[in-house]
Amino acid sequence: MVVTGMKLVFAEPRPCELLDSCPDTFSFPSRHTGVAFAAATTIALVVRRRYLGVLAFGAAALVGYWRIAIGLHTLNDILGGVAVGVAVGIGVYYYVKKFHGSRRRPK
């Protein structure tokens, strides 16, 4: 995924690296937040029901908040995950729309 490559490029240490139970992976951007926002963006674009989009983005925001609350990420990590996730969600939506949107489902 895009986030894995970015983690290797930026090599940002986690804020919890001094704790006993800190993962040994890099921090920026947050993979969990990126996936959550990619899903939320795709849901909002595909379903086009405002309340479902709000719920999806609310859930994604909670994922980001929780990653900070448990000490595994900083706000910059979360914002990076949001940016990557939204970009990936938009990209997936338009890719599917362009190359697979005109196909009919078999009956």
Protein backbone atom coordinates (compact mmCIF):
# COMPACT_ATOMS: atom_id res chain seq x y z
CA MET A 1 0.00 0.00 0.00
CA VAL A 2 1.00 3.62 -0.40
CA VAL A 3 1.38 4.08 3.35
CA THR A 4 4.00 1.36 3.66
CA GLY A 5 6.24 3.08 1.13
CA MET A 6 5.73 6.43 2.82
CA LYS A 7 6.67 4.97 6.21
CA LEU A 8 9.98 3.80 4.75
CA VAL A 9 10.67 7.17 3.12
CA PHE A 10 9.87 9.33 6.15
CA ALA A 11 11.09 6.84 8.82
CA GLU A 12 9.36 8.79 11.59
CA PRO A 13 9.72 7.09 14.99
CA ARG A 14 6.60 6.44 17.03
CA PRO A 15 5.91 8.68 20.01
CA CYS A 16 5.78 5.61 22.24
CA GLU A 17 9.25 4.30 21.37
CA LEU A 18 10.33 4.65 25.01
CA LEU A 19 7.49 2.41 26.22
CA ASP A 20 7.84 -1.34 26.67
CA SER A 21 5.07 -2.32 24.28
CA CYS A 22 5.67 0.02 21.34
CA PRO A 23 5.60 -1.50 17.83
CA ASP A 24 8.93 -1.41 16.01
CA THR A 25 7.39 0.05 12.83
CA PHE A 26 7.54 3.69 11.79
CA SER A 27 4.79 6.15 12.62
CA PHE A 28 4.09 8.49 9.67
CA PRO A 29 1.49 8.20 8.19
CA SER A 30 -1.04 6.21 10.19
CA ARG A 31 -2.01 3.10 8.23
CA HIS A 32 -5.17 2.47 10.28
CA THR A 33 -6.37 6.04 9.71
CA GLY A 34 -5.51 5.87 6.01
CA VAL A 35 -7.53 2.71 5.50
CA ALA A 36 -10.45 4.11 7.52
CA PHE A 37 -10.54 7.33 5.49
CA ALA A 38 -10.13 5.49 2.18
CA ALA A 39 -13.17 3.38 3.08
CA ALA A 40 -15.14 6.41 4.29
CA THR A 41 -14.37 8.36 1.11
CA THR A 42 -15.37 5.45 -1.09
CA ILE A 43 -18.59 4.92 0.86
CA ALA A 44 -19.46 8.62 0.65
CA LEU A 45 -18.85 8.71 -3.11
CA VAL A 46 -20.60 5.45 -3.96
CA VAL A 47 -23.62 5.53 -1.67
CA ARG A 48 -24.30 9.27 -1.98
CA ARG A 49 -26.48 9.33 1.11
CA ARG A 50 -25.28 12.21 3.23
CA TYR A 51 -25.96 10.54 6.59
CA LEU A 52 -23.99 7.44 5.62
CA GLY A 53 -21.06 9.58 4.51
CA VAL A 54 -21.17 11.49 7.80
CA LEU A 55 -21.28 8.21 9.75
CA ALA A 56 -18.39 6.77 7.73
CA PHE A 57 -16.21 9.84 8.22
CA GLY A 58 -17.18 10.00 11.89
CA ALA A 59 -16.06 6.41 12.37
CA ALA A 60 -12.83 7.11 10.49
CA ALA A 61 -12.17 10.15 12.69
CA LEU A 62 -12.66 7.98 15.76
CA VAL A 63 -10.02 5.59 14.44
CA GLY A 64 -7.58 8.49 14.12
CA TYR A 65 -8.47 9.84 17.56
CA TRP A 66 -8.01 6.42 19.13
CA ARG A 67 -4.56 6.00 17.56
CA ILE A 68 -3.48 9.24 19.27
CA ALA A 69 -5.24 8.36 22.55
CA ILE A 70 -3.38 5.07 22.91
CA GLY A 71 -0.08 6.82 22.21
CA LEU A 72 0.89 5.19 18.93
CA HIS A 73 0.64 8.29 16.72
CA THR A 74 0.89 12.06 16.72
CA LEU A 75 -1.57 14.45 15.09
CA ASN A 76 0.77 14.77 12.07
CA ASP A 77 0.67 10.99 11.59
CA ILE A 78 -3.13 11.08 11.63
CA LEU A 79 -3.36 14.01 9.21
CA GLY A 80 -0.98 12.21 6.85
CA GLY A 81 -3.19 9.13 7.05
CA VAL A 82 -6.28 11.25 6.33
CA ALA A 83 -4.66 12.81 3.26
CA VAL A 84 -3.49 9.48 1.85
CA GLY A 85 -6.78 7.76 2.65
CA VAL A 86 -8.94 10.41 0.99
CA ALA A 87 -6.67 10.47 -2.07
CA VAL A 88 -6.75 6.67 -2.38
CA GLY A 89 -10.53 6.58 -1.89
CA ILE A 90 -11.08 9.16 -4.63
CA GLY A 91 -8.63 7.36 -6.90
CA VAL A 92 -10.31 3.99 -6.42
CA TYR A 93 -13.74 5.50 -7.01
CA TYR A 94 -12.77 7.13 -10.31
CA TYR A 95 -10.78 4.10 -11.46
CA VAL A 96 -13.74 1.79 -10.93
CA LYS A 97 -16.13 4.31 -12.47
CA LYS A 98 -13.98 4.72 -15.57
CA PHE A 99 -13.01 1.11 -16.24
CA HIS A 100 -15.80 -0.91 -14.67
CA GLY A 101 -18.74 1.47 -14.39
CA SER A 102 -20.31 0.70 -17.76
CA ARG A 103 -20.46 -3.06 -17.34
CA ARG A 104 -23.82 -4.58 -16.62
CA ARG A 105 -24.28 -7.24 -14.02
CA PRO A 106 -25.41 -10.62 -15.29
CA LYS A 107 -29.01 -11.52 -14.49
